[in-house]
C-alpha atoms as a PDB file:
ATOM      1  CA  MET A   1      66.733 -18.545 -36.739  1.00  0.00           C
ATOM      2  CA  SER A   2      68.767 -20.288 -33.834  1.00  0.00           C
ATOM      3  CA  LYS A   3      67.122 -22.567 -30.464  1.00  0.00           C
ATOM      4  CA  LYS A   4      69.270 -19.628 -28.550  1.00  0.00           C
ATOM      5  CA  ALA A   5      67.626 -16.595 -31.173  1.00  0.00           C
ATOM      6  CA  ILE A   6      63.337 -18.105 -30.283  1.00  0.00           C
ATOM      7  CA  SER A   7      64.269 -18.827 -26.635  1.00  0.00           C
ATOM      8  CA  THR A   8      65.430 -15.360 -27.039  1.00  0.00           C
ATOM      9  CA  THR A   9      62.231 -14.435 -28.332  1.00  0.00           C
ATOM     10  CA  THR A  10      60.134 -16.119 -26.518  1.00  0.00           C
ATOM     11  CA  ILE A  11      61.042 -14.697 -22.967  1.00  0.00           C
ATOM     12  CA  ALA A  12      60.660 -11.170 -24.330  1.00  0.00           C
ATOM     13  CA  ILE A  13      57.156 -11.704 -24.934  1.00  0.00           C
ATOM     14  CA  ILE A  14      56.179 -13.696 -21.302  1.00  0.00           C
ATOM     15  CA  VAL A  15      57.691 -10.188 -19.799  1.00  0.00           C
ATOM     16  CA  ILE A  16      55.831  -7.746 -21.548  1.00  0.00           C
ATOM     17  CA  ALA A  17      52.873  -9.989 -20.650  1.00  0.00           C
ATOM     18  CA  ILE A  18      53.603 -10.069 -17.138  1.00  0.00           C
ATOM     19  CA  VAL A  19      54.558  -6.170 -17.245  1.00  0.00           C
ATOM     20  CA  ILE A  20      50.925  -5.122 -18.959  1.00  0.00           C
ATOM     21  CA  ILE A  21      48.919  -8.048 -17.012  1.00  0.00           C
ATOM     22  CA  GLY A  22      50.709  -6.708 -13.913  1.00  0.00           C
ATOM     23  CA  ALA A  23      50.210  -2.721 -14.502  1.00  0.00           C
ATOM     24  CA  PHE A  24      46.357  -4.042 -15.703  1.00  0.00           C
ATOM     25  CA  ALA A  25      46.352  -5.240 -12.088  1.00  0.00           C
ATOM     26  CA  VAL A  26      47.818  -2.056 -10.857  1.00  0.00           C
ATOM     27  CA  TYR A  27      44.840  -0.141 -12.158  1.00  0.00           C
ATOM     28  CA  LEU A  28      42.168  -2.279 -11.378  1.00  0.00           C
ATOM     29  CA  ALA A  29      43.493  -1.952  -7.358  1.00  0.00           C
ATOM     30  CA  THR A  30      43.356   1.539  -7.859  1.00  0.00           C
ATOM     31  CA  MET A  31      40.866   2.495  -9.883  1.00  0.00           C
ATOM     32  CA  PRO A  32      37.268   4.271  -7.960  1.00  0.00           C
ATOM     33  CA  PRO A  33      34.654   1.815  -6.793  1.00  0.00           C
ATOM     34  CA  GLY A  34      31.782   2.063  -7.814  1.00  0.00           C
ATOM     35  CA  GLU A  35      29.338   3.068  -6.531  1.00  0.00           C
ATOM     36  CA  ALA A  36      27.663   0.942  -4.559  1.00  0.00           C
ATOM     37  CA  ALA A  37      23.719  -0.006  -4.155  1.00  0.00           C
ATOM     38  CA  LYS A  38      21.308   1.408  -1.872  1.00  0.00           C
ATOM     39  CA  LYS A  39      19.919  -1.104   0.029  1.00  0.00           C
ATOM     40  CA  VAL A  40      16.467  -0.580   2.124  1.00  0.00           C
ATOM     41  CA  GLY A  41      14.615  -2.627   4.946  1.00  0.00           C
ATOM     42  CA  LEU A  42      11.515  -4.475   3.916  1.00  0.00           C
ATOM     43  CA  ILE A  43       9.036  -5.761   7.694  1.00  0.00           C
ATOM     44  CA  ILE A  44       5.783  -6.988   6.352  1.00  0.00           C
ATOM     45  CA  ALA A  45       2.954  -7.660   8.348  1.00  0.00           C
ATOM     46  CA  THR A  46       1.546 -10.991  10.506  1.00  0.00           C
ATOM     47  CA  GLY A  47       0.174 -12.853   7.314  1.00  0.00           C
ATOM     48  CA  GLY A  48       3.037 -12.450   4.736  1.00  0.00           C
ATOM     49  CA  LEU A  49       3.205 -12.120   1.020  1.00  0.00           C
ATOM     50  CA  GLY A  50       0.110 -13.742  -0.981  1.00  0.00           C
ATOM     51  CA  ASP A  51      -2.169 -11.778   1.341  1.00  0.00           C
ATOM     52  CA  LYS A  52      -2.775 -10.039  -1.551  1.00  0.00           C
ATOM     53  CA  SER A  53      -4.029  -6.262   0.726  1.00  0.00           C
ATOM     54  CA  PHE A  54      -1.028  -4.169   2.217  1.00  0.00           C
ATOM     55  CA  ASN A  55       1.808  -6.490   1.956  1.00  0.00           C
ATOM     56  CA  ASP A  56       2.336  -7.384  -1.339  1.00  0.00           C
ATOM     57  CA  ILE A  57       0.995  -3.036  -1.907  1.00  0.00           C
ATOM     58  CA  SER A  58       3.859  -2.365   0.216  1.00  0.00           C
ATOM     59  CA  TYR A  59       5.584  -5.255  -1.390  1.00  0.00           C
ATOM     60  CA  ALA A  60       5.246  -4.129  -4.607  1.00  0.00           C
ATOM     61  CA  GLY A  61       5.902  -0.391  -3.384  1.00  0.00           C
ATOM     62  CA  VAL A  62       9.611  -1.693  -3.464  1.00  0.00           C
ATOM     63  CA  VAL A  63       9.862  -3.475  -6.107  1.00  0.00           C
ATOM     64  CA  ARG A  64       9.216  -0.509  -8.378  1.00  0.00           C
ATOM     65  CA  ALA A  65      12.119   1.100  -6.806  1.00  0.00           C
ATOM     66  CA  GLU A  66      14.620  -2.064  -7.355  1.00  0.00           C
ATOM     67  CA  GLU A  67      13.848  -1.298 -10.706  1.00  0.00           C
ATOM     68  CA  GLU A  68      13.245   2.450 -11.190  1.00  0.00           C
ATOM     69  CA  LEU A  69      16.144   3.532  -8.910  1.00  0.00           C
ATOM     70  CA  GLY A  70      18.935   1.105  -7.883  1.00  0.00           C
ATOM     71  CA  ILE A  71      17.857   0.169  -5.457  1.00  0.00           C
ATOM     72  CA  GLU A  72      18.856  -3.759  -3.434  1.00  0.00           C
ATOM     73  CA  PHE A  73      16.182  -5.122  -1.209  1.00  0.00           C
ATOM     74  CA  ASP A  74      15.336  -7.673   1.635  1.00  0.00           C
ATOM     75  CA  TYR A  75      12.391  -8.412   3.523  1.00  0.00           C
ATOM     76  CA  VAL A  76      10.808 -10.441   6.327  1.00  0.00           C
ATOM     77  CA  GLU A  77       7.637 -12.577   7.130  1.00  0.00           C
ATOM     78  CA  PRO A  78       7.126 -11.833  10.312  1.00  0.00           C
ATOM     79  CA  ALA A  79       4.650 -14.718  11.621  1.00  0.00           C
ATOM     80  CA  ALA A  80       3.454 -13.416  15.157  1.00  0.00           C
ATOM     81  CA  ILE A  81       3.749  -9.493  16.732  1.00  0.00           C
ATOM     82  CA  ALA A  82       6.297 -10.529  19.174  1.00  0.00           C
ATOM     83  CA  GLU A  83       9.179 -11.342  16.238  1.00  0.00           C
ATOM     84  CA  TYR A  84       8.446  -7.198  14.943  1.00  0.00           C
ATOM     85  CA  GLU A  85      11.323  -5.123  17.692  1.00  0.00           C
ATOM     86  CA  GLY A  86      13.769  -8.526  16.990  1.00  0.00           C
ATOM     87  CA  PHE A  87      13.244  -8.064  13.454  1.00  0.00           C
ATOM     88  CA  GLN A  88      12.917  -4.279  13.282  1.00  0.00           C
ATOM     89  CA  ARG A  89      16.357  -4.293  15.705  1.00  0.00           C
ATOM     90  CA  ASP A  90      18.140  -6.739  13.214  1.00  0.00           C
ATOM     91  CA  PHE A  91      17.916  -4.719  10.739  1.00  0.00           C
ATOM     92  CA  ALA A  92      18.494  -1.015  12.365  1.00  0.00           C
ATOM     93  CA  LYS A  93      22.094  -2.379  13.857  1.00  0.00           C
ATOM     94  CA  THR A  94      23.462  -3.564  10.834  1.00  0.00           C
ATOM     95  CA  GLY A  95      23.643   0.222   9.665  1.00  0.00           C
ATOM     96  CA  GLU A  96      23.205  -1.039   6.626  1.00  0.00           C
ATOM     97  CA  TYR A  97      19.739   0.240   5.306  1.00  0.00           C
ATOM     98  CA  GLU A  98      18.762   3.640   3.658  1.00  0.00           C
ATOM     99  CA  ILE A  99      15.651   3.287   5.006  1.00  0.00           C
ATOM    100  CA  ILE A 100      14.201  -0.051   7.021  1.00  0.00           C
ATOM    101  CA  ILE A 101       9.675  -0.087   5.807  1.00  0.00           C
ATOM    102  CA  CYS A 102       7.289  -0.794   8.851  1.00  0.00           C
ATOM    103  CA  VAL A 103       3.782  -2.275   7.295  1.00  0.00           C
ATOM    104  CA  GLY A 104       0.808  -1.676   9.156  1.00  0.00           C
ATOM    105  CA  PHE A 105      -0.259  -0.433  12.574  1.00  0.00           C
ATOM    106  CA  ASP A 106       0.416  -2.737  14.977  1.00  0.00           C
ATOM    107  CA  GLN A 107       4.569  -2.703  14.675  1.00  0.00           C
ATOM    108  CA  ALA A 108       4.244   1.177  16.261  1.00  0.00           C
ATOM    109  CA  ASP A 109       4.901  -0.700  19.947  1.00  0.00           C
ATOM    110  CA  ALA A 110       8.103  -1.724  18.935  1.00  0.00           C
ATOM    111  CA  LEU A 111       9.443   0.780  16.248  1.00  0.00           C
ATOM    112  CA  THR A 112       9.345   3.293  19.535  1.00  0.00           C
ATOM    113  CA  ILE A 113      11.415   1.103  21.403  1.00  0.00           C
ATOM    114  CA  VAL A 114      13.527   0.198  18.033  1.00  0.00           C
ATOM    115  CA  ALA A 115      13.638   3.818  16.801  1.00  0.00           C
ATOM    116  CA  GLY A 116      14.568   5.140  19.833  1.00  0.00           C
ATOM    117  CA  GLU A 117      17.453   3.181  20.190  1.00  0.00           C
ATOM    118  CA  TYR A 118      19.188   4.029  16.329  1.00  0.00           C
ATOM    119  CA  PRO A 119      18.200   7.290  16.358  1.00  0.00           C
ATOM    120  CA  ASP A 120      20.658   7.844  13.102  1.00  0.00           C
ATOM    121  CA  GLN A 121      17.906   4.530  11.240  1.00  0.00           C
ATOM    122  CA  LYS A 122      15.091   6.431   9.607  1.00  0.00           C
ATOM    123  CA  PHE A 123      12.206   4.498   9.532  1.00  0.00           C
ATOM    124  CA  ALA A 124       9.163   4.496   7.906  1.00  0.00           C
ATOM    125  CA  ILE A 125       5.913   2.862   9.404  1.00  0.00           C
ATOM    126  CA  VAL A 126       2.466   2.396   7.231  1.00  0.00           C
ATOM    127  CA  ASP A 127      -1.235   3.069   8.509  1.00  0.00           C
ATOM    128  CA  MET A 128       0.273   4.270  12.081  1.00  0.00           C
ATOM    129  CA  THR A 129       1.933   6.809  13.259  1.00  0.00           C
ATOM    130  CA  VAL A 130       4.526   7.468  15.920  1.00  0.00           C
ATOM    131  CA  ASP A 131       6.025  10.624  16.509  1.00  0.00           C
ATOM    132  CA  LEU A 132      10.449   9.802  16.368  1.00  0.00           C
ATOM    133  CA  PRO A 133      12.581  12.472  14.914  1.00  0.00           C
ATOM    134  CA  ASN A 134      13.428   9.718  12.419  1.00  0.00           C
ATOM    135  CA  VAL A 135      10.838   8.236  12.108  1.00  0.00           C
ATOM    136  CA  ALA A 136       8.195   8.575   8.474  1.00  0.00           C
ATOM    137  CA  SER A 137       4.560   7.827   8.838  1.00  0.00           C
ATOM    138  CA  LEU A 138       2.083   7.282   6.323  1.00  0.00           C
ATOM    139  CA  LEU A 139      -1.445   8.051   6.861  1.00  0.00           C
ATOM    140  CA  PHE A 140      -4.360   7.513   3.697  1.00  0.00           C
ATOM    141  CA  SER A 141      -7.310  10.489   3.742  1.00  0.00           C
ATOM    142  CA  ALA A 142      -8.954   7.911   3.640  1.00  0.00           C
ATOM    143  CA  ASN A 143     -12.208   9.623   3.123  1.00  0.00           C
ATOM    144  CA  GLU A 144     -11.296  10.869  -0.169  1.00  0.00           C
ATOM    145  CA  GLY A 145     -10.800   7.225  -1.445  1.00  0.00           C
ATOM    146  CA  SER A 146     -14.840   6.880   0.488  1.00  0.00           C
ATOM    147  CA  PHE A 147     -16.061   9.520  -1.881  1.00  0.00           C
ATOM    148  CA  LEU A 148     -15.821   8.092  -4.778  1.00  0.00           C
ATOM    149  CA  VAL A 149     -16.442   4.314  -3.750  1.00  0.00           C
ATOM    150  CA  GLY A 150     -19.668   6.091  -1.982  1.00  0.00           C
ATOM    151  CA  ALA A 151     -20.633   8.157  -5.452  1.00  0.00           C
ATOM    152  CA  ALA A 152     -20.805   4.616  -7.212  1.00  0.00           C
ATOM    153  CA  SER A 153     -23.214   3.365  -4.532  1.00  0.00           C
ATOM    154  CA  GLY A 154     -25.501   6.638  -4.344  1.00  0.00           C
ATOM    155  CA  MET A 155     -25.368   5.959  -9.093  1.00  0.00           C
ATOM    156  CA  MET A 156     -25.819   2.225  -8.435  1.00  0.00           C
ATOM    157  CA  THR A 157     -28.510   1.893  -5.909  1.00  0.00           C
ATOM    158  CA  THR A 158     -32.272   0.585  -6.700  1.00  0.00           C
ATOM    159  CA  THR A 159     -33.799   0.357  -3.104  1.00  0.00           C
ATOM    160  CA  GLY A 160     -32.485   3.865  -2.146  1.00  0.00           C
ATOM    161  CA  LYS A 161     -30.550   2.584   0.823  1.00  0.00           C
ATOM    162  CA  VAL A 162     -27.299   1.910   1.693  1.00  0.00           C
ATOM    163  CA  GLY A 163     -25.091   0.259   4.061  1.00  0.00           C
ATOM    164  CA  PHE A 164     -21.671   0.436   6.143  1.00  0.00           C
ATOM    165  CA  VAL A 165     -20.464  -2.181   8.666  1.00  0.00           C
ATOM    166  CA  GLY A 166     -16.618  -1.378  10.321  1.00  0.00           C
ATOM    167  CA  GLY A 167     -14.072  -2.885  11.429  1.00  0.00           C
ATOM    168  CA  MET A 168     -14.804  -0.638  15.002  1.00  0.00           C
ATOM    169  CA  ASP A 169     -15.995   2.525  15.601  1.00  0.00           C
ATOM    170  CA  ILE A 170     -12.993   4.454  15.993  1.00  0.00           C
ATOM    171  CA  PRO A 171     -11.921   7.528  14.223  1.00  0.00           C
ATOM    172  CA  LEU A 172     -10.154   6.223  11.596  1.00  0.00           C
ATOM    173  CA  ILE A 173     -12.773   3.972  10.596  1.00  0.00           C
ATOM    174  CA  ARG A 174     -15.449   7.024  11.318  1.00  0.00           C
ATOM    175  CA  ASP A 175     -13.600   8.440   8.134  1.00  0.00           C
ATOM    176  CA  PHE A 176     -14.126   5.724   5.608  1.00  0.00           C
ATOM    177  CA  TRP A 177     -17.934   6.535   6.467  1.00  0.00           C
ATOM    178  CA  LEU A 178     -17.960  10.575   5.953  1.00  0.00           C
ATOM    179  CA  GLY A 179     -16.670  10.049   3.360  1.00  0.00           C
ATOM    180  CA  TYR A 180     -18.954   7.051   1.993  1.00  0.00           C
ATOM    181  CA  GLU A 181     -21.298   9.078   3.950  1.00  0.00           C
ATOM    182  CA  ALA A 182     -20.943  12.908   2.117  1.00  0.00           C
ATOM    183  CA  GLY A 183     -20.307  10.386  -1.144  1.00  0.00           C
ATOM    184  CA  VAL A 184     -23.282   8.954  -1.810  1.00  0.00           C
ATOM    185  CA  LYS A 185     -25.051  12.115  -1.175  1.00  0.00           C
ATOM    186  CA  TRP A 186     -23.296  13.939  -3.647  1.00  0.00           C
ATOM    187  CA  ALA A 187     -23.960  11.518  -5.804  1.00  0.00           C
ATOM    188  CA  ASN A 188     -28.115  10.911  -5.602  1.00  0.00           C
ATOM    189  CA  SER A 189     -29.444  12.783  -2.615  1.00  0.00           C
ATOM    190  CA  THR A 190     -32.201  10.892  -2.396  1.00  0.00           C
ATOM    191  CA  VAL A 191     -31.200   7.937  -1.521  1.00  0.00           C
ATOM    192  CA  THR A 192     -30.418   6.959   2.446  1.00  0.00           C
ATOM    193  CA  VAL A 193     -27.542   6.066   4.171  1.00  0.00           C
ATOM    194  CA  VAL A 194     -27.965   3.237   6.825  1.00  0.00           C
ATOM    195  CA  ASP A 195     -26.498   4.358  10.203  1.00  0.00           C
ATOM    196  CA  PRO A 196     -22.873   2.518  10.205  1.00  0.00           C
ATOM    197  CA  VAL A 197     -22.987  -0.781  12.470  1.00  0.00           C
ATOM    198  CA  PHE A 198     -19.718  -1.299  13.967  1.00  0.00           C
ATOM    199  CA  VAL A 199     -18.533  -5.255  14.770  1.00  0.00           C
ATOM    200  CA  GLY A 200     -16.088  -4.814  17.346  1.00  0.00           C
ATOM    201  CA  ASP A 201     -13.688  -6.438  16.268  1.00  0.00           C
ATOM    202  CA  TRP A 202     -10.691  -7.311  13.183  1.00  0.00           C
ATOM    203  CA  ALA A 203     -11.414 -10.623  13.537  1.00  0.00           C
ATOM    204  CA  ASP A 204     -14.603 -12.085  13.400  1.00  0.00           C
ATOM    205  CA  PRO A 205     -15.952 -12.297  10.347  1.00  0.00           C
ATOM    206  CA  THR A 206     -19.108 -14.002  11.196  1.00  0.00           C
ATOM    207  CA  LYS A 207     -20.151 -10.977  13.138  1.00  0.00           C
ATOM    208  CA  GLY A 208     -18.891  -9.043   9.545  1.00  0.00           C
ATOM    209  CA  LYS A 209     -21.782 -10.987   7.334  1.00  0.00           C
ATOM    210  CA  GLU A 210     -24.804 -10.976  10.919  1.00  0.00           C
ATOM    211  CA  LEU A 211     -24.464  -6.951  10.302  1.00  0.00           C
ATOM    212  CA  ALA A 212     -24.401  -7.517   6.827  1.00  0.00           C
ATOM    213  CA  LEU A 213     -27.139  -9.367   6.918  1.00  0.00           C
ATOM    214  CA  GLY A 214     -29.031  -6.654   9.422  1.00  0.00           C
ATOM    215  CA  LEU A 215     -28.997  -4.059   6.632  1.00  0.00           C
ATOM    216  CA  VAL A 216     -30.475  -6.238   3.612  1.00  0.00           C
ATOM    217  CA  ASP A 217     -33.334  -6.805   6.139  1.00  0.00           C
ATOM    218  CA  VAL A 218     -33.599  -2.814   6.285  1.00  0.00           C
ATOM    219  CA  GLY A 219     -33.718  -2.758   2.826  1.00  0.00           C
ATOM    220  CA  VAL A 220     -30.037  -2.301   1.273  1.00  0.00           C
ATOM    221  CA  ASP A 221     -28.793  -3.470  -1.045  1.00  0.00           C
ATOM    222  CA  ALA A 222     -24.904  -1.969  -1.364  1.00  0.00           C
ATOM    223  CA  ILE A 223     -22.900  -2.140   1.208  1.00  0.00           C
ATOM    224  CA  PHE A 224     -19.268  -0.222   2.235  1.00  0.00           C
ATOM    225  CA  VAL A 225     -16.807  -2.432   4.555  1.00  0.00           C
ATOM    226  CA  ALA A 226     -14.118  -0.986   6.738  1.00  0.00           C
ATOM    227  CA  ALA A 227     -13.465  -3.920   8.579  1.00  0.00           C
ATOM    228  CA  GLY A 228     -10.364  -6.387   8.434  1.00  0.00           C
ATOM    229  CA  LYS A 229     -10.904  -9.619   8.369  1.00  0.00           C
ATOM    230  CA  SER A 230     -14.997  -8.905  10.299  1.00  0.00           C
ATOM    231  CA  GLY A 231     -15.591  -7.544   6.659  1.00  0.00           C
ATOM    232  CA  LEU A 232     -14.557 -11.038   4.670  1.00  0.00           C
ATOM    233  CA  GLY A 233     -17.717 -12.267   6.389  1.00  0.00           C
ATOM    234  CA  ALA A 234     -19.816  -9.058   5.713  1.00  0.00           C
ATOM    235  CA  LEU A 235     -18.462  -9.285   1.718  1.00  0.00           C
ATOM    236  CA  GLU A 236     -19.721 -13.240   1.757  1.00  0.00           C
ATOM    237  CA  ALA A 237     -23.809 -11.163   3.086  1.00  0.00           C
ATOM    238  CA  VAL A 238     -23.487  -9.523   0.228  1.00  0.00           C
ATOM    239  CA  HIS A 239     -22.903 -12.422  -2.756  1.00  0.00           C
ATOM    240  CA  GLU A 240     -24.997 -14.180  -0.496  1.00  0.00           C
ATOM    241  CA  GLU A 241     -28.028 -12.348  -0.582  1.00  0.00           C
ATOM    242  CA  GLU A 242     -26.882 -10.805  -4.886  1.00  0.00           C
ATOM    243  CA  ILE A 243     -26.616  -7.007  -3.552  1.00  0.00           C
ATOM    244  CA  TRP A 244     -23.596  -4.429  -4.643  1.00  0.00           C
ATOM    245  CA  GLY A 245     -20.350  -4.773  -2.261  1.00  0.00           C
ATOM    246  CA  TYR A 246     -17.856  -2.327  -2.068  1.00  0.00           C
ATOM    247  CA  GLY A 247     -14.017  -3.478  -0.410  1.00  0.00           C
ATOM    248  CA  VAL A 248     -11.712  -1.694   0.800  1.00  0.00           C
ATOM    249  CA  ASP A 249      -8.062  -0.546   1.075  1.00  0.00           C
ATOM    250  CA  ALA A 250      -6.844  -2.746  -1.846  1.00  0.00           C
ATOM    251  CA  CYS A 251      -9.029  -3.225  -4.691  1.00  0.00           C
ATOM    252  CA  GLN A 252     -11.327  -6.378  -3.288  1.00  0.00           C
ATOM    253  CA  CYS A 253     -13.037  -6.393  -6.341  1.00  0.00           C
ATOM    254  CA  TYR A 254     -11.989  -9.826  -7.238  1.00  0.00           C
ATOM    255  CA  LEU A 255     -13.480 -11.939  -4.501  1.00  0.00           C
ATOM    256  CA  TYR A 256     -17.337 -11.895  -5.872  1.00  0.00           C
ATOM    257  CA  PRO A 257     -16.845 -10.085  -9.189  1.00  0.00           C
ATOM    258  CA  GLU A 258     -20.674 -10.465  -9.575  1.00  0.00           C
ATOM    259  CA  GLU A 259     -21.650  -8.185  -6.729  1.00  0.00           C
ATOM    260  CA  ILE A 260     -18.221  -6.218  -6.010  1.00  0.00           C
ATOM    261  CA  ARG A 261     -17.652  -4.093  -7.929  1.00  0.00           C
ATOM    262  CA  VAL A 262     -15.426  -0.436  -7.171  1.00  0.00           C
ATOM    263  CA  SER A 263     -13.272  -0.971  -4.598  1.00  0.00           C
ATOM    264  CA  MET A 264     -11.633   2.278  -2.172  1.00  0.00           C
ATOM    265  CA  THR A 265      -8.060   2.074  -2.499  1.00  0.00           C
ATOM    266  CA  LYS A 266      -5.003   2.646  -0.506  1.00  0.00           C
ATOM    267  CA  ARG A 267      -2.096   3.004  -2.933  1.00  0.00           C
ATOM    268  CA  VAL A 268       0.570   1.792   0.470  1.00  0.00           C
ATOM    269  CA  ASP A 269       2.920   1.363  -3.523  1.00  0.00           C
ATOM    270  CA  ASN A 270       3.166   4.553  -3.890  1.00  0.00           C
ATOM    271  CA  ALA A 271       3.233   5.596  -0.600  1.00  0.00           C
ATOM    272  CA  VAL A 272       6.204   3.019   0.120  1.00  0.00           C
ATOM    273  CA  PHE A 273       7.822   4.161  -3.162  1.00  0.00           C
ATOM    274  CA  ASP A 274       7.858   7.964  -2.386  1.00  0.00           C
ATOM    275  CA  MET A 275       9.339   7.304   0.945  1.00  0.00           C
ATOM    276  CA  ILE A 276      12.506   5.412  -0.262  1.00  0.00           C
ATOM    277  CA  LYS A 277      12.698   8.456  -2.954  1.00  0.00           C
ATOM    278  CA  ASP A 278      13.235  10.734  -0.165  1.00  0.00           C
ATOM    279  CA  ALA A 279      15.645   8.559   1.819  1.00  0.00           C
ATOM    280  CA  VAL A 280      17.799   7.652  -1.129  1.00  0.00           C
ATOM    281  CA  GLU A 281      18.075  11.301  -2.358  1.00  0.00           C
ATOM    282  CA  GLY A 282      18.410  12.599   0.855  1.00  0.00           C
ATOM    283  CA  THR A 283      15.396  14.455   0.926  1.00  0.00           C
ATOM    284  CA  PHE A 284      14.163  11.687   3.692  1.00  0.00           C
ATOM    285  CA  GLU A 285      11.599  14.017   5.735  1.00  0.00           C
ATOM    286  CA  ALA A 286      10.573  12.253   9.896  1.00  0.00           C
ATOM    287  CA  GLY A 287       6.954  13.258  10.902  1.00  0.00           C
ATOM    288  CA  PHE A 288       3.564  12.221   9.536  1.00  0.00           C
ATOM    289  CA  HIS A 289       2.703  12.599   5.510  1.00  0.00           C
ATOM    290  CA  THR A 290      -0.777  12.149   4.726  1.00  0.00           C
ATOM    291  CA  GLY A 291      -1.604  11.298   0.943  1.00  0.00           C
ATOM    292  CA  GLY A 292      -5.047  11.735  -0.598  1.00  0.00           C
ATOM    293  CA  LEU A 293      -6.869  10.970  -3.824  1.00  0.00           C
ATOM    294  CA  GLU A 294      -3.727  13.872  -5.412  1.00  0.00           C
ATOM    295  CA  GLY A 295      -0.278  11.561  -4.187  1.00  0.00           C
ATOM    296  CA  PRO A 296      -2.497   9.527  -5.408  1.00  0.00           C
ATOM    297  CA  TRP A 297      -2.290   7.482  -2.342  1.00  0.00           C
ATOM    298  CA  VAL A 298      -5.054   6.881  -2.210  1.00  0.00           C
ATOM    299  CA  GLY A 299      -8.428   6.027  -4.690  1.00  0.00           C
ATOM    300  CA  SER A 300     -10.520   3.752  -6.816  1.00  0.00           C
ATOM    301  CA  CYS A 301     -10.045   0.280  -8.529  1.00  0.00           C
ATOM    302  CA  ARG A 302     -11.999   1.741 -11.061  1.00  0.00           C
ATOM    303  CA  LEU A 303     -10.092   4.831 -12.415  1.00  0.00           C
ATOM    304  CA  PRO A 304      -7.900   4.878 -15.715  1.00  0.00           C
ATOM    305  CA  GLU A 305      -4.904   4.870 -14.512  1.00  0.00           C
ATOM    306  CA  GLU A 306      -5.188   1.755 -11.885  1.00  0.00           C
ATOM    307  CA  GLU A 307      -7.625  -0.733 -12.814  1.00  0.00           C
ATOM    308  CA  GLU A 308      -5.203  -2.591 -15.479  1.00  0.00           C
ATOM    309  CA  PHE A 309      -2.760  -2.108 -11.948  1.00  0.00           C
ATOM    310  CA  TRP A 310      -5.129  -3.976  -9.621  1.00  0.00           C
ATOM    311  CA  GLU A 311      -6.156  -7.550 -12.752  1.00  0.00           C
ATOM    312  CA  ASP A 312      -3.134  -7.912 -13.138  1.00  0.00           C
ATOM    313  CA  THR A 313      -1.644  -7.310  -9.440  1.00  0.00           C
ATOM    314  CA  PHE A 314      -4.731 -10.384  -8.299  1.00  0.00           C
ATOM    315  CA  GLU A 315      -5.221 -11.422 -12.147  1.00  0.00           C
ATOM    316  CA  PHE A 316      -8.757 -10.696 -13.046  1.00  0.00           C
ATOM    317  CA  GLU A 317     -10.862  -8.751 -15.028  1.00  0.00           C
ATOM    318  CA  HIS A 318     -13.358  -6.315 -13.442  1.00  0.00           C
ATOM    319  CA  GLU A 319     -16.747  -7.020 -14.321  1.00  0.00           C
ATOM    320  CA  PRO A 320     -18.216  -4.164 -16.179  1.00  0.00           C
ATOM    321  CA  ILE A 321     -19.279  -0.867 -15.506  1.00  0.00           C
ATOM    322  CA  THR A 322     -22.255   1.779 -16.364  1.00  0.00           C
ATOM    323  CA  SER A 323     -20.083   4.503 -18.324  1.00  0.00           C
ATOM    324  CA  ALA A 324     -22.742   6.870 -15.548  1.00  0.00           C
ATOM    325  CA  VAL A 325     -21.291   5.207 -12.862  1.00  0.00           C
ATOM    326  CA  LEU A 326     -17.207   5.567 -13.388  1.00  0.00           C
ATOM    327  CA  ASP A 327     -17.472   9.443 -15.188  1.00  0.00           C
ATOM    328  CA  LYS A 328     -19.022   9.652 -11.367  1.00  0.00           C
ATOM    329  CA  ILE A 329     -16.173   9.031 -10.134  1.00  0.00           C
ATOM    330  CA  ILE A 330     -13.416  10.382 -12.007  1.00  0.00           C
ATOM    331  CA  GLU A 331     -15.943  13.836 -11.870  1.00  0.00           C
ATOM    332  CA  ALA A 332     -15.813  13.291  -8.387  1.00  0.00           C
ATOM    333  CA  ARG A 333     -11.595  12.650  -8.038  1.00  0.00           C
ATOM    334  CA  ASP A 334     -10.764  15.691 -10.331  1.00  0.00           C
ATOM    335  CA  LYS A 335     -13.317  18.098  -7.357  1.00  0.00           C
ATOM    336  CA  ILE A 336     -11.557  16.928  -4.654  1.00  0.00           C
ATOM    337  CA  VAL A 337      -7.858  17.540  -5.905  1.00  0.00           C
ATOM    338  CA  SER A 338      -9.366  21.053  -7.352  1.00  0.00           C
ATOM    339  CA  ASP A 339     -10.064  21.335  -4.093  1.00  0.00           C
ATOM    340  CA  GLU A 340     -13.598  22.004  -5.239  1.00  0.00           C
ATOM    341  CA  ILE A 341     -14.950  19.403  -3.200  1.00  0.00           C
ATOM    342  CA  VAL A 342     -13.835  19.215   0.115  1.00  0.00           C
ATOM    343  CA  VAL A 343     -14.565  15.698   2.315  1.00  0.00           C
ATOM    344  CA  PRO A 344     -15.937  15.501   5.828  1.00  0.00           C
ATOM    345  CA  SER A 345     -13.789  13.965   7.924  1.00  0.00           C
ATOM    346  CA  ALA A 346     -13.069  12.588  11.760  1.00  0.00           C
ATOM    347  CA  PHE A 347      -9.920  14.158  12.262  1.00  0.00           C
END
């Protein structure tokens, strides 16, 4: 073959390659783009991740949405309440987010302002209400979850006296108290439920401990605590006095596993996931959303469907409880869900 023939063949191959590459480039440029992942914004409460409470559990709900729904998310960790409004506005003004989740009752004032400024942006607030047409307020039937703790308390007491330490004397905390009292009496009608005591503050563990010790002085051997950071002092007293303690919101059994065997739980992760799912599927509804045991938006860390979740989350193992106590907790759950038991409420 002559050099001229080789040259002509090479040129032909190059031309064909250029045509193929060009055609493929045109195809890529004109083909329909893939659907972009929908985005979610998360503004967690002051205290940040690692709180082993609302923040961590809310974050878990968004991570679940990422895994199961294919969403993408951004989150921020405000250091102070004064930062909420700025972060909410920063997210909202981008127009990128299907929904913005605001964790904690103390975001309500800022959200009332920002949600009003961005009426087309969907928001959700955890554990508080904002009455605007683009905000879903996620509330929890604390009385139902507290009933389960009360049932355990009624079964486990040996002195026949149990108590309650609350943060503030407000309907929100009275709801815990009423559910707890009803659960105790349902499980064991002979038990005396001492009148509740209230710290008057969410962040005074010293007084929380003093009040718990006062209950011990009158013969209480079991205390349910719903008092925010003040409750940590009450649970410290439970540990020191070696009586039964009952945690709240997240599983707090990891704090003192010998004394705290059962906690009432708010499944904020489930509530957050449900709202994200509604938003990305186009079924989001603003307004008040209250979830109870049926959701489940509340429960107990000792329910079979919850125990492993909390142990994995907080990297510990529960100390055992008797089968009689566990059976009573499950029976209470089932009867509340079926409406055979109607739990009293402060609302």
